[in-house]
Amino acid sequence: MTAAAAEKRLLGLLGLGVRGRLAVVGVEQVRQAARRGRLALAVIAADASRHSVEKVVPLLRAKGIGTIAGPSAARLGAAVGREAAAAVGIVDKDLADGVRRIVHVESSRTR
């Protein structure tokens, strides 16, 4: 699978997740889900602002929640019905596993 195909699959899954209420969009929603113990995985936009990253990543690390570097905030946002999104949090374990598989397959092929 090419990087472009993996990104397309990732964005498609995230879009389905948001529509199915299996994912939350935005730094604040990701933080709230993490605090409540509902978050399985977070996708952080590659170009997220330093401020956004500093607000969410330390909390995710402290809670032991995995993060994935995603595409740009504009592409991430377009996939989930927003203009831009710095972070998308996945609250469904099965969806998180599917996203991890896509990312793992792509990262293992680029080595």
PDB file of N, CA and C in Angstrom:
ATOM      1  N   MET A   1       0.850  -1.177   0.000  1.00  0.00           N
ATOM      2  CA  MET A   1       0.000   0.000   0.000  1.00  0.00           C
ATOM      3  C   MET A   1       0.893   1.237   0.000  1.00  0.00           C
ATOM      4  N   THR A   2       0.613   2.165  -0.867  1.00  0.00           N
ATOM      5  CA  THR A   2       1.399   3.397  -0.930  1.00  0.00           C
ATOM      6  C   THR A   2       1.029   4.307   0.234  1.00  0.00           C
ATOM      7  N   ALA A   3       1.875   5.292   0.474  1.00  0.00           N
ATOM      8  CA  ALA A   3       1.601   6.255   1.539  1.00  0.00           C
ATOM      9  C   ALA A   3       0.301   6.997   1.268  1.00  0.00           C
ATOM     10  N   ALA A   4       0.065   7.348   0.018  1.00  0.00           N
ATOM     11  CA  ALA A   4      -1.164   8.067  -0.327  1.00  0.00           C
ATOM     12  C   ALA A   4      -2.392   7.191  -0.090  1.00  0.00           C
ATOM     13  N   ALA A   5      -2.289   5.915  -0.415  1.00  0.00           N
ATOM     14  CA  ALA A   5      -3.412   4.993  -0.195  1.00  0.00           C
ATOM     15  C   ALA A   5      -3.654   4.794   1.300  1.00  0.00           C
ATOM     16  N   ALA A   6      -2.579   4.688   2.080  1.00  0.00           N
ATOM     17  CA  ALA A   6      -2.718   4.520   3.526  1.00  0.00           C
ATOM     18  C   ALA A   6      -3.373   5.758   4.140  1.00  0.00           C
ATOM     19  N   GLU A   7      -2.958   6.933   3.685  1.00  0.00           N
ATOM     20  CA  GLU A   7      -3.551   8.164   4.205  1.00  0.00           C
ATOM     21  C   GLU A   7      -5.028   8.245   3.841  1.00  0.00           C
ATOM     22  N   LYS A   8      -5.363   7.843   2.620  1.00  0.00           N
ATOM     23  CA  LYS A   8      -6.764   7.872   2.193  1.00  0.00           C
ATOM     24  C   LYS A   8      -7.604   6.933   3.058  1.00  0.00           C
ATOM     25  N   ARG A   9      -7.083   5.734   3.335  1.00  0.00           N
ATOM     26  CA  ARG A   9      -7.803   4.783   4.198  1.00  0.00           C
ATOM     27  C   ARG A   9      -7.941   5.324   5.613  1.00  0.00           C
ATOM     28  N   LEU A  10      -6.864   5.927   6.131  1.00  0.00           N
ATOM     29  CA  LEU A  10      -6.896   6.507   7.469  1.00  0.00           C
ATOM     30  C   LEU A  10      -7.972   7.584   7.552  1.00  0.00           C
ATOM     31  N   LEU A  11      -7.964   8.500   6.601  1.00  0.00           N
ATOM     32  CA  LEU A  11      -8.937   9.598   6.610  1.00  0.00           C
ATOM     33  C   LEU A  11     -10.363   9.080   6.453  1.00  0.00           C
ATOM     34  N   GLY A  12     -10.528   8.050   5.631  1.00  0.00           N
ATOM     35  CA  GLY A  12     -11.847   7.452   5.461  1.00  0.00           C
ATOM     36  C   GLY A  12     -12.359   6.849   6.758  1.00  0.00           C
ATOM     37  N   LEU A  13     -11.487   6.121   7.462  1.00  0.00           N
ATOM     38  CA  LEU A  13     -11.879   5.531   8.738  1.00  0.00           C
ATOM     39  C   LEU A  13     -12.213   6.599   9.777  1.00  0.00           C
ATOM     40  N   LEU A  14     -11.428   7.659   9.800  1.00  0.00           N
ATOM     41  CA  LEU A  14     -11.700   8.731  10.761  1.00  0.00           C
ATOM     42  C   LEU A  14     -13.036   9.399  10.462  1.00  0.00           C
ATOM     43  N   GLY A  15     -13.310   9.615   9.185  1.00  0.00           N
ATOM     44  CA  GLY A  15     -14.596  10.210   8.803  1.00  0.00           C
ATOM     45  C   GLY A  15     -15.759   9.325   9.231  1.00  0.00           C
ATOM     46  N   LEU A  16     -15.649   8.032   8.984  1.00  0.00           N
ATOM     47  CA  LEU A  16     -16.695   7.097   9.416  1.00  0.00           C
ATOM     48  C   LEU A  16     -16.825   7.103  10.936  1.00  0.00           C
ATOM     49  N   GLY A  17     -15.714   7.155  11.610  1.00  0.00           N
ATOM     50  CA  GLY A  17     -15.731   7.166  13.068  1.00  0.00           C
ATOM     51  C   GLY A  17     -16.453   8.370  13.633  1.00  0.00           C
ATOM     52  N   VAL A  18     -16.213   9.528  13.057  1.00  0.00           N
ATOM     53  CA  VAL A  18     -16.877  10.743  13.538  1.00  0.00           C
ATOM     54  C   VAL A  18     -18.377  10.665  13.250  1.00  0.00           C
ATOM     55  N   ARG A  19     -18.721  10.225  12.056  1.00  0.00           N
ATOM     56  CA  ARG A  19     -20.150  10.114  11.721  1.00  0.00           C
ATOM     57  C   ARG A  19     -20.856   9.088  12.594  1.00  0.00           C
ATOM     58  N   GLY A  20     -20.142   8.055  13.005  1.00  0.00           N
ATOM     59  CA  GLY A  20     -20.721   7.026  13.861  1.00  0.00           C
ATOM     60  C   GLY A  20     -20.560   7.303  15.347  1.00  0.00           C
ATOM     61  N   ARG A  21     -20.076   8.462  15.678  1.00  0.00           N
ATOM     62  CA  ARG A  21     -19.829   8.865  17.071  1.00  0.00           C
ATOM     63  C   ARG A  21     -18.837   7.950  17.786  1.00  0.00           C
ATOM     64  N   LEU A  22     -17.886   7.460  17.007  1.00  0.00           N
ATOM     65  CA  LEU A  22     -16.826   6.613  17.558  1.00  0.00           C
ATOM     66  C   LEU A  22     -15.523   7.393  17.709  1.00  0.00           C
ATOM     67  N   ALA A  23     -15.579   8.670  17.352  1.00  0.00           N
ATOM     68  CA  ALA A  23     -14.406   9.535  17.434  1.00  0.00           C
ATOM     69  C   ALA A  23     -14.859  10.955  17.760  1.00  0.00           C
ATOM     70  N   VAL A  24     -13.949  11.719  18.357  1.00  0.00           N
ATOM     71  CA  VAL A  24     -14.222  13.121  18.698  1.00  0.00           C
ATOM     72  C   VAL A  24     -13.211  13.998  17.974  1.00  0.00           C
ATOM     73  N   VAL A  25     -13.613  15.230  17.710  1.00  0.00           N
ATOM     74  CA  VAL A  25     -12.773  16.138  16.929  1.00  0.00           C
ATOM     75  C   VAL A  25     -12.397  17.361  17.755  1.00  0.00           C
ATOM     76  N   GLY A  26     -11.133  17.724  17.697  1.00  0.00           N
ATOM     77  CA  GLY A  26     -10.657  18.939  18.344  1.00  0.00           C
ATOM     78  C   GLY A  26      -9.877  18.649  19.614  1.00  0.00           C
ATOM     79  N   VAL A  27      -8.984  19.553  19.921  1.00  0.00           N
ATOM     80  CA  VAL A  27      -8.098  19.392  21.076  1.00  0.00           C
ATOM     81  C   VAL A  27      -8.901  19.278  22.373  1.00  0.00           C
ATOM     82  N   GLU A  28      -9.888  20.133  22.577  1.00  0.00           N
ATOM     83  CA  GLU A  28     -10.656  20.099  23.827  1.00  0.00           C
ATOM     84  C   GLU A  28     -11.452  18.811  23.975  1.00  0.00           C
ATOM     85  N   GLN A  29     -12.074  18.359  22.899  1.00  0.00           N
ATOM     86  CA  GLN A  29     -12.849  17.125  22.972  1.00  0.00           C
ATOM     87  C   GLN A  29     -11.930  15.918  23.220  1.00  0.00           C
ATOM     88  N   VAL A  30     -10.755  15.936  22.609  1.00  0.00           N
ATOM     89  CA  VAL A  30      -9.784  14.860  22.835  1.00  0.00           C
ATOM     90  C   VAL A  30      -9.340  14.872  24.294  1.00  0.00           C
ATOM     91  N   ARG A  31      -9.080  16.045  24.827  1.00  0.00           N
ATOM     92  CA  ARG A  31      -8.676  16.159  26.235  1.00  0.00           C
ATOM     93  C   ARG A  31      -9.770  15.643  27.169  1.00  0.00           C
ATOM     94  N   GLN A  32     -11.016  16.036  26.903  1.00  0.00           N
ATOM     95  CA  GLN A  32     -12.134  15.590  27.744  1.00  0.00           C
ATOM     96  C   GLN A  32     -12.289  14.070  27.702  1.00  0.00           C
ATOM     97  N   ALA A  33     -12.223  13.498  26.510  1.00  0.00           N
ATOM     98  CA  ALA A  33     -12.356  12.042  26.376  1.00  0.00           C
ATOM     99  C   ALA A  33     -11.219  11.333  27.104  1.00  0.00           C
ATOM    100  N   ALA A  34     -10.018  11.880  27.028  1.00  0.00           N
ATOM    101  CA  ALA A  34      -8.869  11.276  27.716  1.00  0.00           C
ATOM    102  C   ALA A  34      -9.064  11.339  29.231  1.00  0.00           C
ATOM    103  N   ARG A  35      -9.503  12.480  29.730  1.00  0.00           N
ATOM    104  CA  ARG A  35      -9.727  12.623  31.170  1.00  0.00           C
ATOM    105  C   ARG A  35     -10.784  11.647  31.683  1.00  0.00           C
ATOM    106  N   ARG A  36     -11.787  11.397  30.865  1.00  0.00           N
ATOM    107  CA  ARG A  36     -12.873  10.496  31.270  1.00  0.00           C
ATOM    108  C   ARG A  36     -12.524   9.018  31.067  1.00  0.00           C
ATOM    109  N   GLY A  37     -11.345   8.749  30.515  1.00  0.00           N
ATOM    110  CA  GLY A  37     -10.926   7.373  30.300  1.00  0.00           C
ATOM    111  C   GLY A  37     -11.601   6.710  29.111  1.00  0.00           C
ATOM    112  N   ARG A  38     -12.113   7.499  28.171  1.00  0.00           N
ATOM    113  CA  ARG A  38     -12.832   6.958  27.025  1.00  0.00           C
ATOM    114  C   ARG A  38     -11.978   6.867  25.771  1.00  0.00           C
ATOM    115  N   LEU A  39     -10.806   7.456  25.769  1.00  0.00           N
ATOM    116  CA  LEU A  39     -10.012   7.577  24.549  1.00  0.00           C
ATOM    117  C   LEU A  39      -9.118   6.356  24.339  1.00  0.00           C
ATOM    118  N   ALA A  40      -9.146   5.804  23.128  1.00  0.00           N
ATOM    119  CA  ALA A  40      -8.309   4.647  22.792  1.00  0.00           C
ATOM    120  C   ALA A  40      -7.055   5.048  22.022  1.00  0.00           C
ATOM    121  N   LEU A  41      -7.137   6.127  21.241  1.00  0.00           N
ATOM    122  CA  LEU A  41      -6.041   6.550  20.367  1.00  0.00           C
ATOM    123  C   LEU A  41      -6.308   7.969  19.902  1.00  0.00           C
ATOM    124  N   ALA A  42      -5.258   8.716  19.622  1.00  0.00           N
ATOM    125  CA  ALA A  42      -5.413  10.073  19.094  1.00  0.00           C
ATOM    126  C   ALA A  42      -4.563  10.247  17.843  1.00  0.00           C
ATOM    127  N   VAL A  43      -5.121  10.945  16.877  1.00  0.00           N
ATOM    128  CA  VAL A  43      -4.393  11.301  15.659  1.00  0.00           C
ATOM    129  C   VAL A  43      -4.151  12.803  15.730  1.00  0.00           C
ATOM    130  N   ILE A  44      -2.894  13.199  15.681  1.00  0.00           N
ATOM    131  CA  ILE A  44      -2.510  14.604  15.789  1.00  0.00           C
ATOM    132  C   ILE A  44      -2.044  15.079  14.421  1.00  0.00           C
ATOM    133  N   ALA A  45      -2.573  16.203  13.971  1.00  0.00           N
ATOM    134  CA  ALA A  45      -2.195  16.748  12.666  1.00  0.00           C
ATOM    135  C   ALA A  45      -0.702  17.060  12.636  1.00  0.00           C
ATOM    136  N   ALA A  46      -0.086  16.762  11.513  1.00  0.00           N
ATOM    137  CA  ALA A  46       1.355  16.987  11.353  1.00  0.00           C
ATOM    138  C   ALA A  46       1.723  18.455  11.545  1.00  0.00           C
ATOM    139  N   ASP A  47       0.802  19.341  11.175  1.00  0.00           N
ATOM    140  CA  ASP A  47       1.088  20.771  11.279  1.00  0.00           C
ATOM    141  C   ASP A  47       0.306  21.451  12.402  1.00  0.00           C
ATOM    142  N   ALA A  48      -0.095  20.679  13.410  1.00  0.00           N
ATOM    143  CA  ALA A  48      -0.805  21.256  14.556  1.00  0.00           C
ATOM    144  C   ALA A  48       0.098  22.289  15.228  1.00  0.00           C
ATOM    145  N   SER A  49      -0.508  23.336  15.739  1.00  0.00           N
ATOM    146  CA  SER A  49       0.284  24.388  16.379  1.00  0.00           C
ATOM    147  C   SER A  49       0.969  23.845  17.627  1.00  0.00           C
ATOM    148  N   ARG A  50       2.059  24.458  17.977  1.00  0.00           N
ATOM    149  CA  ARG A  50       2.811  24.057  19.170  1.00  0.00           C
ATOM    150  C   ARG A  50       1.908  24.134  20.395  1.00  0.00           C
ATOM    151  N   HIS A  51       1.078  25.164  20.447  1.00  0.00           N
ATOM    152  CA  HIS A  51       0.157  25.338  21.568  1.00  0.00           C
ATOM    153  C   HIS A  51      -0.817  24.157  21.670  1.00  0.00           C
ATOM    154  N   SER A  52      -1.383  23.750  20.552  1.00  0.00           N
ATOM    155  CA  SER A  52      -2.320  22.613  20.547  1.00  0.00           C
ATOM    156  C   SER A  52      -1.625  21.338  20.996  1.00  0.00           C
ATOM    157  N   VAL A  53      -0.442  21.102  20.474  1.00  0.00           N
ATOM    158  CA  VAL A  53       0.314  19.898  20.834  1.00  0.00           C
ATOM    159  C   VAL A  53       0.627  19.907  22.326  1.00  0.00           C
ATOM    160  N   GLU A  54       1.057  21.052  22.845  1.00  0.00           N
ATOM    161  CA  GLU A  54       1.401  21.148  24.265  1.00  0.00           C
ATOM    162  C   GLU A  54       0.178  20.973  25.167  1.00  0.00           C
ATOM    163  N   LYS A  55      -1.012  21.281  24.651  1.00  0.00           N
ATOM    164  CA  LYS A  55      -2.230  21.112  25.440  1.00  0.00           C
ATOM    165  C   LYS A  55      -2.667  19.657  25.522  1.00  0.00           C
ATOM    166  N   VAL A  56      -2.396  18.882  24.488  1.00  0.00           N
ATOM    167  CA  VAL A  56      -2.979  17.543  24.440  1.00  0.00           C
ATOM    168  C   VAL A  56      -1.967  16.410  24.632  1.00  0.00           C
ATOM    169  N   VAL A  57      -0.804  16.500  24.059  1.00  0.00           N
ATOM    170  CA  VAL A  57       0.134  15.366  24.078  1.00  0.00           C
ATOM    171  C   VAL A  57       0.604  14.995  25.489  1.00  0.00           C
ATOM    172  N   PRO A  58       0.955  15.940  26.363  1.00  0.00           N
ATOM    173  CA  PRO A  58       1.370  15.527  27.708  1.00  0.00           C
ATOM    174  C   PRO A  58       0.268  14.765  28.464  1.00  0.00           C
ATOM    175  N   LEU A  59      -0.975  15.176  28.309  1.00  0.00           N
ATOM    176  CA  LEU A  59      -2.083  14.481  28.950  1.00  0.00           C
ATOM    177  C   LEU A  59      -2.215  13.060  28.404  1.00  0.00           C
ATOM    178  N   LEU A  60      -2.105  12.929  27.083  1.00  0.00           N
ATOM    179  CA  LEU A  60      -2.207  11.601  26.473  1.00  0.00           C
ATOM    180  C   LEU A  60      -1.085  10.695  26.953  1.00  0.00           C
ATOM    181  N   ARG A  61       0.115  11.230  27.031  1.00  0.00           N
ATOM    182  CA  ARG A  61       1.249  10.429  27.524  1.00  0.00           C
ATOM    183  C   ARG A  61       1.016   9.999  28.966  1.00  0.00           C
ATOM    184  N   ALA A  62       0.551  10.935  29.793  1.00  0.00           N
ATOM    185  CA  ALA A  62       0.308  10.627  31.202  1.00  0.00           C
ATOM    186  C   ALA A  62      -0.749   9.547  31.367  1.00  0.00           C
ATOM    187  N   LYS A  63      -1.718   9.518  30.481  1.00  0.00           N
ATOM    188  CA  LYS A  63      -2.794   8.522  30.542  1.00  0.00           C
ATOM    189  C   LYS A  63      -2.439   7.232  29.800  1.00  0.00           C
ATOM    190  N   GLY A  64      -1.278   7.206  29.145  1.00  0.00           N
ATOM    191  CA  GLY A  64      -0.857   6.018  28.411  1.00  0.00           C
ATOM    192  C   GLY A  64      -1.637   5.793  27.126  1.00  0.00           C
ATOM    193  N   ILE A  65      -2.110   6.872  26.529  1.00  0.00           N
ATOM    194  CA  ILE A  65      -2.891   6.791  25.290  1.00  0.00           C
ATOM    195  C   ILE A  65      -1.958   7.042  24.107  1.00  0.00           C
ATOM    196  N   GLY A  66      -2.000   6.144  23.139  1.00  0.00           N
ATOM    197  CA  GLY A  66      -1.140   6.262  21.970  1.00  0.00           C
ATOM    198  C   GLY A  66      -1.531   7.416  21.068  1.00  0.00           C
ATOM    199  N   THR A  67      -0.547   7.945  20.359  1.00  0.00           N
ATOM    200  CA  THR A  67      -0.787   9.001  19.379  1.00  0.00           C
ATOM    201  C   THR A  67      -0.186   8.589  18.041  1.00  0.00           C
ATOM    202  N   ILE A  68      -0.792   9.094  17.010  1.00  0.00           N
ATOM    203  CA  ILE A  68      -0.317   8.870  15.651  1.00  0.00           C
ATOM    204  C   ILE A  68      -0.189  10.228  14.985  1.00  0.00           C
ATOM    205  N   ALA A  69       0.929  10.445  14.305  1.00  0.00           N
ATOM    206  CA  ALA A  69       1.094  11.669  13.532  1.00  0.00           C
ATOM    207  C   ALA A  69       0.265  11.529  12.263  1.00  0.00           C
ATOM    208  N   GLY A  70      -0.663  12.418  12.093  1.00  0.00           N
ATOM    209  CA  GLY A  70      -1.560  12.354  10.946  1.00  0.00           C
ATOM    210  C   GLY A  70      -1.154  13.305   9.846  1.00  0.00           C
ATOM    211  N   PRO A  71      -2.024  13.447   8.867  1.00  0.00           N
ATOM    212  CA  PRO A  71      -1.787  14.403   7.785  1.00  0.00           C
ATOM    213  C   PRO A  71      -2.007  15.830   8.291  1.00  0.00           C
ATOM    214  N   SER A  72      -2.035  16.777   7.400  1.00  0.00           N
ATOM    215  CA  SER A  72      -2.214  18.181   7.782  1.00  0.00           C
ATOM    216  C   SER A  72      -3.570  18.402   8.446  1.00  0.00           C
ATOM    217  N   ALA A  73      -3.672  19.493   9.202  1.00  0.00           N
ATOM    218  CA  ALA A  73      -4.921  19.831   9.872  1.00  0.00           C
ATOM    219  C   ALA A  73      -6.042  20.054   8.864  1.00  0.00           C
ATOM    220  N   ALA A  74      -5.718  20.597   7.702  1.00  0.00           N
ATOM    221  CA  ALA A  74      -6.737  20.830   6.676  1.00  0.00           C
ATOM    222  C   ALA A  74      -7.270  19.501   6.140  1.00  0.00           C
ATOM    223  N   ARG A  75      -6.394  18.549   5.855  1.00  0.00           N
ATOM    224  CA  ARG A  75      -6.823  17.238   5.347  1.00  0.00           C
ATOM    225  C   ARG A  75      -7.559  16.448   6.419  1.00  0.00           C
ATOM    226  N   LEU A  76      -7.066  16.522   7.640  1.00  0.00           N
ATOM    227  CA  LEU A  76      -7.728  15.852   8.752  1.00  0.00           C
ATOM    228  C   LEU A  76      -9.118  16.448   8.968  1.00  0.00           C
ATOM    229  N   GLY A  77      -9.202  17.762   8.942  1.00  0.00           N
ATOM    230  CA  GLY A  77     -10.487  18.441   9.105  1.00  0.00           C
ATOM    231  C   GLY A  77     -11.466  18.102   7.996  1.00  0.00           C
ATOM    232  N   ALA A  78     -10.984  18.083   6.766  1.00  0.00           N
ATOM    233  CA  ALA A  78     -11.857  17.768   5.629  1.00  0.00           C
ATOM    234  C   ALA A  78     -12.453  16.366   5.773  1.00  0.00           C
ATOM    235  N   ALA A  79     -11.692  15.446   6.318  1.00  0.00           N
ATOM    236  CA  ALA A  79     -12.166  14.068   6.477  1.00  0.00           C
ATOM    237  C   ALA A  79     -13.262  13.955   7.529  1.00  0.00           C
ATOM    238  N   VAL A  80     -13.258  14.863   8.495  1.00  0.00           N
ATOM    239  CA  VAL A  80     -14.218  14.783   9.598  1.00  0.00           C
ATOM    240  C   VAL A  80     -15.253  15.903   9.562  1.00  0.00           C
ATOM    241  N   GLY A  81     -15.343  16.582   8.422  1.00  0.00           N
ATOM    242  CA  GLY A  81     -16.379  17.586   8.247  1.00  0.00           C
ATOM    243  C   GLY A  81     -16.105  18.935   8.869  1.00  0.00           C
ATOM    244  N   ARG A  82     -14.845  19.273   9.020  1.00  0.00           N
ATOM    245  CA  ARG A  82     -14.466  20.575   9.583  1.00  0.00           C
ATOM    246  C   ARG A  82     -13.504  21.257   8.614  1.00  0.00           C
ATOM    247  N   GLU A  83     -13.295  22.541   8.842  1.00  0.00           N
ATOM    248  CA  GLU A  83     -12.329  23.253   8.001  1.00  0.00           C
ATOM    249  C   GLU A  83     -10.914  22.766   8.297  1.00  0.00           C
ATOM    250  N   ALA A  84     -10.637  22.574   9.584  1.00  0.00           N
ATOM    251  CA  ALA A  84      -9.335  22.068  10.016  1.00  0.00           C
ATOM    252  C   ALA A  84      -9.518  21.381  11.359  1.00  0.00           C
ATOM    253  N   ALA A  85      -8.643  20.442  11.656  1.00  0.00           N
ATOM    254  CA  ALA A  85      -8.688  19.747  12.945  1.00  0.00           C
ATOM    255  C   ALA A  85      -7.266  19.429  13.372  1.00  0.00           C
ATOM    256  N   ALA A  86      -6.882  19.925  14.534  1.00  0.00           N
ATOM    257  CA  ALA A  86      -5.538  19.658  15.052  1.00  0.00           C
ATOM    258  C   ALA A  86      -5.442  18.256  15.627  1.00  0.00           C
ATOM    259  N   ALA A  87      -6.572  17.720  16.105  1.00  0.00           N
ATOM    260  CA  ALA A  87      -6.560  16.391  16.723  1.00  0.00           C
ATOM    261  C   ALA A  87      -7.907  15.701  16.536  1.00  0.00           C
ATOM    262  N   VAL A  88      -7.840  14.397  16.366  1.00  0.00           N
ATOM    263  CA  VAL A  88      -9.029  13.548  16.340  1.00  0.00           C
ATOM    264  C   VAL A  88      -8.767  12.422  17.328  1.00  0.00           C
ATOM    265  N   GLY A  89      -9.705  12.222  18.237  1.00  0.00           N
ATOM    266  CA  GLY A  89      -9.575  11.167  19.225  1.00  0.00           C
ATOM    267  C   GLY A  89     -10.530  10.031  18.922  1.00  0.00           C
ATOM    268  N   ILE A  90     -10.030   8.828  18.979  1.00  0.00           N
ATOM    269  CA  ILE A  90     -10.849   7.647  18.694  1.00  0.00           C
ATOM    270  C   ILE A  90     -11.258   7.022  20.022  1.00  0.00           C
ATOM    271  N   VAL A  91     -12.572   6.888  20.221  1.00  0.00           N
ATOM    272  CA  VAL A  91     -13.077   6.342  21.477  1.00  0.00           C
ATOM    273  C   VAL A  91     -13.468   4.873  21.355  1.00  0.00           C
ATOM    274  N   ASP A  92     -13.512   4.347  20.152  1.00  0.00           N
ATOM    275  CA  ASP A  92     -13.873   2.955  19.929  1.00  0.00           C
ATOM    276  C   ASP A  92     -12.610   2.115  19.750  1.00  0.00           C
ATOM    277  N   LYS A  93     -12.477   1.059  20.556  1.00  0.00           N
ATOM    278  CA  LYS A  93     -11.274   0.233  20.514  1.00  0.00           C
ATOM    279  C   LYS A  93     -11.070  -0.432  19.158  1.00  0.00           C
ATOM    280  N   ASP A  94     -12.139  -0.945  18.552  1.00  0.00           N
ATOM    281  CA  ASP A  94     -12.010  -1.617  17.259  1.00  0.00           C
ATOM    282  C   ASP A  94     -11.568  -0.653  16.164  1.00  0.00           C
ATOM    283  N   LEU A  95     -12.116   0.546  16.175  1.00  0.00           N
ATOM    284  CA  LEU A  95     -11.704   1.559  15.199  1.00  0.00           C
ATOM    285  C   LEU A  95     -10.233   1.924  15.420  1.00  0.00           C
ATOM    286  N   ALA A  96      -9.835   2.071  16.675  1.00  0.00           N
ATOM    287  CA  ALA A  96      -8.435   2.384  16.991  1.00  0.00           C
ATOM    288  C   ALA A  96      -7.509   1.282  16.482  1.00  0.00           C
ATOM    289  N   ASP A  97      -7.931   0.021  16.645  1.00  0.00           N
ATOM    290  CA  ASP A  97      -7.122  -1.096  16.146  1.00  0.00           C
ATOM    291  C   ASP A  97      -6.999  -1.043  14.627  1.00  0.00           C
ATOM    292  N   GLY A  98      -8.083  -0.697  13.934  1.00  0.00           N
ATOM    293  CA  GLY A  98      -8.046  -0.576  12.480  1.00  0.00           C
ATOM    294  C   GLY A  98      -7.099   0.518  12.021  1.00  0.00           C
ATOM    295  N   VAL A  99      -7.119   1.639  12.720  1.00  0.00           N
ATOM    296  CA  VAL A  99      -6.212   2.742  12.386  1.00  0.00           C
ATOM    297  C   VAL A  99      -4.770   2.320  12.636  1.00  0.00           C
ATOM    298  N   ARG A 100      -4.521   1.650  13.741  1.00  0.00           N
ATOM    299  CA  ARG A 100      -3.149   1.186  14.040  1.00  0.00           C
ATOM    300  C   ARG A 100      -2.650   0.232  12.959  1.00  0.00           C
ATOM    301  N   ARG A 101      -3.523  -0.652  12.492  1.00  0.00           N
ATOM    302  CA  ARG A 101      -3.121  -1.591  11.431  1.00  0.00           C
ATOM    303  C   ARG A 101      -2.728  -0.847  10.159  1.00  0.00           C
ATOM    304  N   ILE A 102      -3.496   0.152   9.780  1.00  0.00           N
ATOM    305  CA  ILE A 102      -3.173   0.927   8.580  1.00  0.00           C
ATOM    306  C   ILE A 102      -1.817   1.601   8.751  1.00  0.00           C
ATOM    307  N   VAL A 103      -1.616   2.236   9.875  1.00  0.00           N
ATOM    308  CA  VAL A 103      -0.364   2.961  10.117  1.00  0.00           C
ATOM    309  C   VAL A 103       0.801   1.992  10.222  1.00  0.00           C
ATOM    310  N   HIS A 104       0.594   0.858  10.895  1.00  0.00           N
ATOM    311  CA  HIS A 104       1.671  -0.130  11.052  1.00  0.00           C
ATOM    312  C   HIS A 104       2.080  -0.720   9.702  1.00  0.00           C
ATOM    313  N   VAL A 105       1.102  -1.051   8.876  1.00  0.00           N
ATOM    314  CA  VAL A 105       1.408  -1.613   7.555  1.00  0.00           C
ATOM    315  C   VAL A 105       2.220  -0.623   6.757  1.00  0.00           C
ATOM    316  N   GLU A 106       1.797   0.643   6.769  1.00  0.00           N
ATOM    317  CA  GLU A 106       2.510   1.664   6.003  1.00  0.00           C
ATOM    318  C   GLU A 106       3.904   1.874   6.571  1.00  0.00           C
ATOM    319  N   SER A 107       4.050   1.975   7.904  1.00  0.00           N
ATOM    320  CA  SER A 107       5.368   2.253   8.474  1.00  0.00           C
ATOM    321  C   SER A 107       6.317   1.076   8.277  1.00  0.00           C
ATOM    322  N   SER A 108       5.809  -0.147   8.286  1.00  0.00           N
ATOM    323  CA  SER A 108       6.690  -1.290   8.085  1.00  0.00           C
ATOM    324  C   SER A 108       7.156  -1.390   6.635  1.00  0.00           C
ATOM    325  N   ARG A 109       6.377  -0.862   5.702  1.00  0.00           N
ATOM    326  CA  ARG A 109       6.784  -0.905   4.294  1.00  0.00           C
ATOM    327  C   ARG A 109       7.771   0.200   3.941  1.00  0.00           C
ATOM    328  N   THR A 110       7.842   1.248   4.747  1.00  0.00           N
ATOM    329  CA  THR A 110       8.750   2.339   4.427  1.00  0.00           C
ATOM    330  C   THR A 110      10.113   2.148   5.061  1.00  0.00           C
ATOM    331  N   ARG A 111      10.311   1.077   5.801  1.00  0.00           N
ATOM    332  CA  ARG A 111      11.609   0.854   6.465  1.00  0.00           C
ATOM    333  C   ARG A 111      12.608   0.276   5.520  1.00  0.00           C
TER     334      ARG A 111
END
